[in-house]
Protein backbone atom coordinates (compact mmCIF):
# COMPACT_ATOMS: atom_id res chain seq x y z
CA MET A 1 -121.25 -67.67 65.65
CA PRO A 2 -124.22 -69.13 63.43
CA LEU A 3 -123.44 -71.96 61.05
CA THR A 4 -125.69 -72.46 58.04
CA VAL A 5 -125.37 -75.22 55.35
CA GLN A 6 -126.97 -74.53 52.01
CA HIS A 7 -127.57 -77.09 49.16
CA LEU A 8 -124.60 -79.13 50.11
CA ASP A 9 -123.83 -82.26 47.94
CA ALA A 10 -120.91 -84.46 48.49
CA TRP A 11 -119.36 -87.22 46.24
CA TYR A 12 -116.78 -90.03 46.63
CA GLY A 13 -115.55 -90.27 42.98
CA SER A 14 -118.81 -90.76 41.02
CA LYS A 15 -120.77 -91.99 43.94
CA GLN A 16 -122.92 -89.32 45.64
CA ALA A 17 -122.94 -89.42 49.38
CA LEU A 18 -124.92 -86.35 50.33
CA TYR A 19 -128.00 -84.79 48.67
CA ASP A 20 -128.98 -81.09 48.99
CA ILE A 21 -128.34 -80.63 52.70
CA ASN A 22 -129.82 -77.62 54.14
CA LEU A 23 -129.38 -77.03 57.90
CA SER A 24 -128.75 -74.27 60.51
CA PHE A 25 -127.22 -74.58 63.75
CA GLU A 26 -127.75 -72.61 66.78
CA PRO A 27 -124.68 -70.89 68.42
CA LYS A 28 -123.79 -72.36 71.82
CA SER A 29 -125.80 -75.41 71.39
CA VAL A 30 -125.54 -79.24 70.85
CA THR A 31 -126.98 -80.69 67.73
CA ALA A 32 -126.91 -84.59 67.42
CA LEU A 33 -126.67 -86.31 64.04
CA ILE A 34 -128.30 -89.76 64.18
CA GLY A 35 -128.95 -92.39 61.65
CA PRO A 36 -127.71 -95.98 60.49
CA SER A 37 -124.14 -96.68 59.36
CA GLY A 38 -123.36 -95.25 56.03
CA CYS A 39 -126.25 -92.67 55.97
CA GLY A 40 -123.88 -89.68 55.49
CA LYS A 41 -123.42 -88.33 59.00
CA SER A 42 -119.64 -88.56 59.14
CA THR A 43 -119.23 -87.37 55.60
CA PHE A 44 -121.44 -84.34 56.48
CA VAL A 45 -119.24 -83.24 59.47
CA ARG A 46 -115.98 -83.84 57.37
CA CYS A 47 -117.52 -81.37 54.88
CA LEU A 48 -117.94 -78.70 57.70
CA ASN A 49 -114.33 -78.27 58.11
CA ARG A 50 -113.06 -79.30 54.68
CA MET A 51 -111.67 -82.70 55.53
CA HIS A 52 -113.88 -84.33 53.06
CA GLU A 53 -111.85 -82.86 50.11
CA GLU A 54 -108.57 -84.48 51.58
CA ILE A 55 -109.79 -87.87 50.30
CA PRO A 56 -108.65 -88.59 46.72
CA GLY A 57 -111.59 -88.05 44.30
CA ALA A 58 -113.90 -86.53 46.85
CA ARG A 59 -115.65 -83.26 46.15
CA VAL A 60 -118.28 -81.04 47.43
CA SER A 61 -120.74 -78.39 46.07
CA GLY A 62 -122.82 -75.95 48.03
CA GLU A 63 -122.18 -73.58 50.87
CA VAL A 64 -121.02 -73.76 54.41
CA LEU A 65 -121.53 -70.32 55.93
CA VAL A 66 -119.90 -69.36 59.24
CA ASP A 67 -121.25 -66.00 60.42
CA GLY A 68 -122.03 -65.31 56.83
CA PHE A 69 -118.68 -66.40 55.34
CA ASN A 70 -118.62 -69.29 52.91
CA MET A 71 -116.02 -71.85 54.03
CA TYR A 72 -115.84 -72.96 50.41
CA ALA A 73 -115.15 -69.52 48.91
CA SER A 74 -111.98 -69.33 46.63
CA THR A 75 -110.33 -67.04 49.26
CA ALA A 76 -110.98 -69.47 52.23
CA LYS A 77 -107.80 -71.62 53.16
CA ALA A 78 -108.48 -75.08 54.65
CA ARG A 79 -106.01 -74.52 57.50
CA TYR A 80 -107.75 -71.45 58.61
CA VAL A 81 -111.23 -73.09 58.34
CA ARG A 82 -110.04 -75.89 60.71
CA GLN A 83 -108.92 -73.32 63.17
CA TYR A 84 -112.40 -72.04 63.47
CA VAL A 85 -114.12 -75.43 63.03
CA GLY A 86 -112.35 -77.96 65.34
CA MET A 87 -112.80 -81.71 65.30
CA VAL A 88 -112.82 -84.64 67.70
CA PHE A 89 -112.58 -88.08 66.11
CA GLN A 90 -114.02 -91.51 66.94
CA GLN A 91 -110.54 -92.80 68.11
CA SER A 92 -108.37 -90.62 70.21
CA ASN A 93 -105.69 -89.49 67.98
CA VAL A 94 -103.04 -88.13 70.52
CA LEU A 95 -99.77 -87.38 68.92
CA PRO A 96 -97.32 -90.18 69.70
CA GLY A 97 -93.87 -89.26 71.12
CA ARG A 98 -95.14 -85.93 72.30
CA SER A 99 -96.01 -84.92 75.81
CA ILE A 100 -99.39 -84.00 77.30
CA PHE A 101 -98.34 -80.34 77.18
CA ASP A 102 -97.26 -80.57 73.55
CA ASN A 103 -100.32 -82.18 72.39
CA VAL A 104 -102.37 -79.26 73.56
CA ALA A 105 -99.95 -76.64 72.55
CA ILE A 106 -99.18 -77.72 68.86
CA GLY A 107 -102.21 -75.89 67.49
CA PRO A 108 -101.70 -72.58 69.15
CA ARG A 109 -98.04 -72.75 68.19
CA LEU A 110 -98.66 -73.37 64.47
CA ASN A 111 -101.39 -70.86 64.32
CA GLY A 112 -99.49 -68.15 66.25
CA LEU A 113 -102.02 -67.78 68.84
CA ALA A 114 -99.75 -67.78 71.92
CA SER A 115 -96.10 -68.23 73.08
CA GLY A 116 -94.14 -68.27 76.26
CA SER A 117 -96.23 -67.76 79.45
CA SER A 118 -99.43 -67.01 77.45
CA LEU A 119 -99.09 -70.44 75.85
CA GLN A 120 -98.71 -72.08 79.24
CA GLU A 121 -101.91 -70.27 80.39
CA LEU A 122 -103.80 -71.30 77.33
CA VAL A 123 -102.70 -75.09 77.75
CA GLU A 124 -103.96 -74.88 81.34
CA ARG A 125 -107.20 -73.24 80.42
CA SER A 126 -107.77 -75.73 77.70
CA LEU A 127 -107.14 -78.79 79.95
CA ARG A 128 -109.37 -77.15 82.67
CA ARG A 129 -112.14 -76.73 80.15
CA ALA A 130 -111.67 -80.37 79.18
CA ALA A 131 -111.89 -81.40 82.74
CA LEU A 132 -108.45 -82.95 82.82
CA TRP A 133 -106.20 -80.44 84.39
CA ASP A 134 -106.34 -81.87 87.90
CA GLU A 135 -105.46 -85.28 86.65
CA VAL A 136 -102.44 -84.22 84.60
CA LYS A 137 -101.07 -81.01 86.08
CA ASP A 138 -98.18 -82.79 87.74
CA LYS A 139 -97.01 -84.81 84.65
CA LEU A 140 -97.41 -82.38 81.70
CA ASN A 141 -94.23 -83.50 80.33
CA ALA A 142 -95.19 -87.37 80.41
CA PRO A 143 -96.04 -88.93 77.05
CA ALA A 144 -99.76 -88.47 76.17
CA THR A 145 -99.86 -92.12 75.23
CA GLN A 146 -99.50 -92.99 78.89
CA LEU A 147 -103.10 -91.68 79.54
CA SER A 148 -106.15 -93.88 79.77
CA GLY A 149 -108.50 -94.06 76.79
CA GLY A 150 -110.89 -91.61 78.42
CA GLN A 151 -108.23 -89.18 79.33
CA GLN A 152 -106.74 -89.25 75.84
CA GLN A 153 -110.16 -88.28 74.31
CA ARG A 154 -110.45 -85.45 76.78
CA LEU A 155 -106.97 -84.55 75.79
CA CYS A 156 -108.05 -84.37 72.22
CA ILE A 157 -110.87 -82.11 73.20
CA ALA A 158 -108.56 -79.93 74.98
CA ARG A 159 -106.36 -79.78 71.89
CA ALA A 160 -109.28 -78.76 69.85
CA VAL A 161 -110.37 -76.12 72.27
CA ALA A 162 -106.84 -74.64 72.47
CA ASN A 163 -107.17 -73.58 68.90
CA GLN A 164 -110.08 -71.19 70.05
CA PRO A 165 -112.58 -72.41 67.50
CA GLN A 166 -116.18 -71.24 67.31
CA ILE A 167 -117.45 -74.64 66.32
CA ILE A 168 -116.39 -78.12 67.62
CA LEU A 169 -117.41 -81.30 65.57
CA MET A 170 -117.42 -84.58 67.48
CA ASP A 171 -117.64 -87.82 65.37
CA GLU A 172 -118.68 -90.52 67.77
CA PRO A 173 -116.32 -89.45 70.35
CA CYS A 174 -117.49 -92.14 72.98
CA SER A 175 -117.86 -95.25 70.82
CA ALA A 176 -114.49 -96.57 71.98
CA LEU A 177 -114.92 -95.67 75.66
CA ASP A 178 -116.22 -97.54 78.65
CA PRO A 179 -119.53 -96.33 80.27
CA ILE A 180 -117.84 -94.10 83.02
CA SER A 181 -115.73 -92.38 80.53
CA THR A 182 -118.68 -91.90 78.16
CA LEU A 183 -120.62 -90.09 80.89
CA GLN A 184 -117.71 -87.78 81.63
CA ILE A 185 -117.56 -86.89 78.00
CA GLU A 186 -121.24 -86.31 77.76
CA GLU A 187 -121.07 -84.01 80.76
CA LEU A 188 -118.16 -82.18 79.16
CA ILE A 189 -120.08 -81.65 75.96
CA ARG A 190 -122.94 -79.97 77.92
CA GLN A 191 -120.38 -77.77 79.58
CA LEU A 192 -118.58 -76.83 76.59
CA SER A 193 -121.80 -75.90 74.84
CA GLU A 194 -122.06 -72.77 76.90
CA SER A 195 -119.04 -71.48 74.88
CA PHE A 196 -119.06 -73.42 71.62
CA THR A 197 -121.41 -74.59 68.89
CA ILE A 198 -121.16 -78.49 69.00
CA ILE A 199 -122.23 -80.91 66.39
CA LEU A 200 -122.10 -84.52 67.58
CA VAL A 201 -122.35 -87.53 65.40
CA THR A 202 -123.58 -90.51 67.49
CA HIS A 203 -124.99 -94.01 66.92
CA ASN A 204 -126.38 -93.96 70.56
CA MET A 205 -129.96 -92.35 70.70
CA GLN A 206 -129.80 -92.29 74.51
CA GLN A 207 -126.71 -90.23 74.25
CA ALA A 208 -128.48 -87.86 71.91
CA GLY A 209 -131.26 -87.56 74.24
CA ARG A 210 -129.00 -86.75 77.18
CA THR A 211 -126.76 -84.18 75.46
CA ALA A 212 -128.40 -82.63 72.47
CA ASP A 213 -130.70 -79.62 72.15
CA ARG A 214 -131.66 -80.40 68.57
CA THR A 215 -131.35 -83.77 66.57
CA VAL A 216 -131.06 -84.37 62.96
CA PHE A 217 -131.92 -87.72 61.31
CA PHE A 218 -129.99 -88.80 58.23
CA LEU A 219 -130.84 -91.54 55.87
CA ASN A 220 -129.39 -92.53 52.43
CA GLY A 221 -127.43 -89.30 52.28
CA ARG A 222 -130.52 -87.02 52.99
CA VAL A 223 -131.85 -85.25 56.01
CA ILE A 224 -135.16 -86.91 56.79
CA GLU A 225 -136.13 -84.80 59.81
CA GLU A 226 -134.67 -82.51 62.31
CA GLY A 227 -136.00 -80.61 65.44
CA VAL A 228 -135.87 -80.34 69.13
CA THR A 229 -134.51 -83.62 70.49
CA SER A 230 -137.30 -84.35 73.05
CA GLU A 231 -140.00 -83.67 70.33
CA LEU A 232 -138.28 -85.56 67.60
CA PHE A 233 -138.01 -88.68 69.85
CA SER A 234 -141.38 -88.54 71.26
CA HIS A 235 -143.33 -87.24 68.31
CA PRO A 236 -141.45 -87.93 65.01
CA ARG A 237 -143.25 -86.51 62.08
CA LYS A 238 -141.79 -88.83 59.41
CA LYS A 239 -142.48 -92.63 59.23
CA GLU A 240 -138.65 -93.38 58.55
CA THR A 241 -137.75 -91.46 61.76
CA GLU A 242 -140.26 -93.34 63.85
CA GLU A 243 -139.05 -96.59 62.53
CA TYR A 244 -135.37 -95.83 63.20
CA ILE A 245 -135.94 -94.56 66.73
CA SER A 246 -138.13 -97.61 67.57
CA GLY A 247 -135.40 -99.95 66.42
CA ARG A 248 -137.06 -101.32 63.31
CA PHE A 249 -133.96 -100.79 61.41
CA GLY A 250 -130.41 -99.42 61.94
């Protein structure tokens, strides 16, 4: 399902954070968003599933089109937007006091996607897609907080997948993980891109190079450059891009 952003602006109160963003994302691909801290990457992804508007005083103008439907249309409900556009955060946010099974099942239950044996099948399928099933299949009723950091992040990915979205947003999903867990998540991202459109915010340019088909460079709330990852890193067209990827600032 294609995703297109047209003339997107975003504010925190009177402070503008994004300026006239125009981007298109290919279905079943990985796009990395890079840029220094505070450049607008996380604000942008929060706009894509209407989480930005949850911040008091925040507002958005422009269009986010999923298969031609504007997610900011007056008829669009934020709850249903987030069913189609899932999100995985920087810190794994498993639901405390709930089991591994319930962490994955909560979305499908709330959205009426499955129940009974079909829910059990959906949970298993989602855990398999998150490369976690073999590690947890014998302890589905155990608290999710007993899992390791890397396992918790994969559980959050399984929870996002269980809602059967078309697009998955990942906001620095590996920043709190060790190198082994990071590589597991990166491999999982590539596998999931066979079924989902993935937009990945990362501060790690090596990670973008390993996982992303395309990369977008943000600076001061604007898109400076975007293109095929290998080409953007080897032959950047803009001076600011070259200076950032060469480490002159960031």
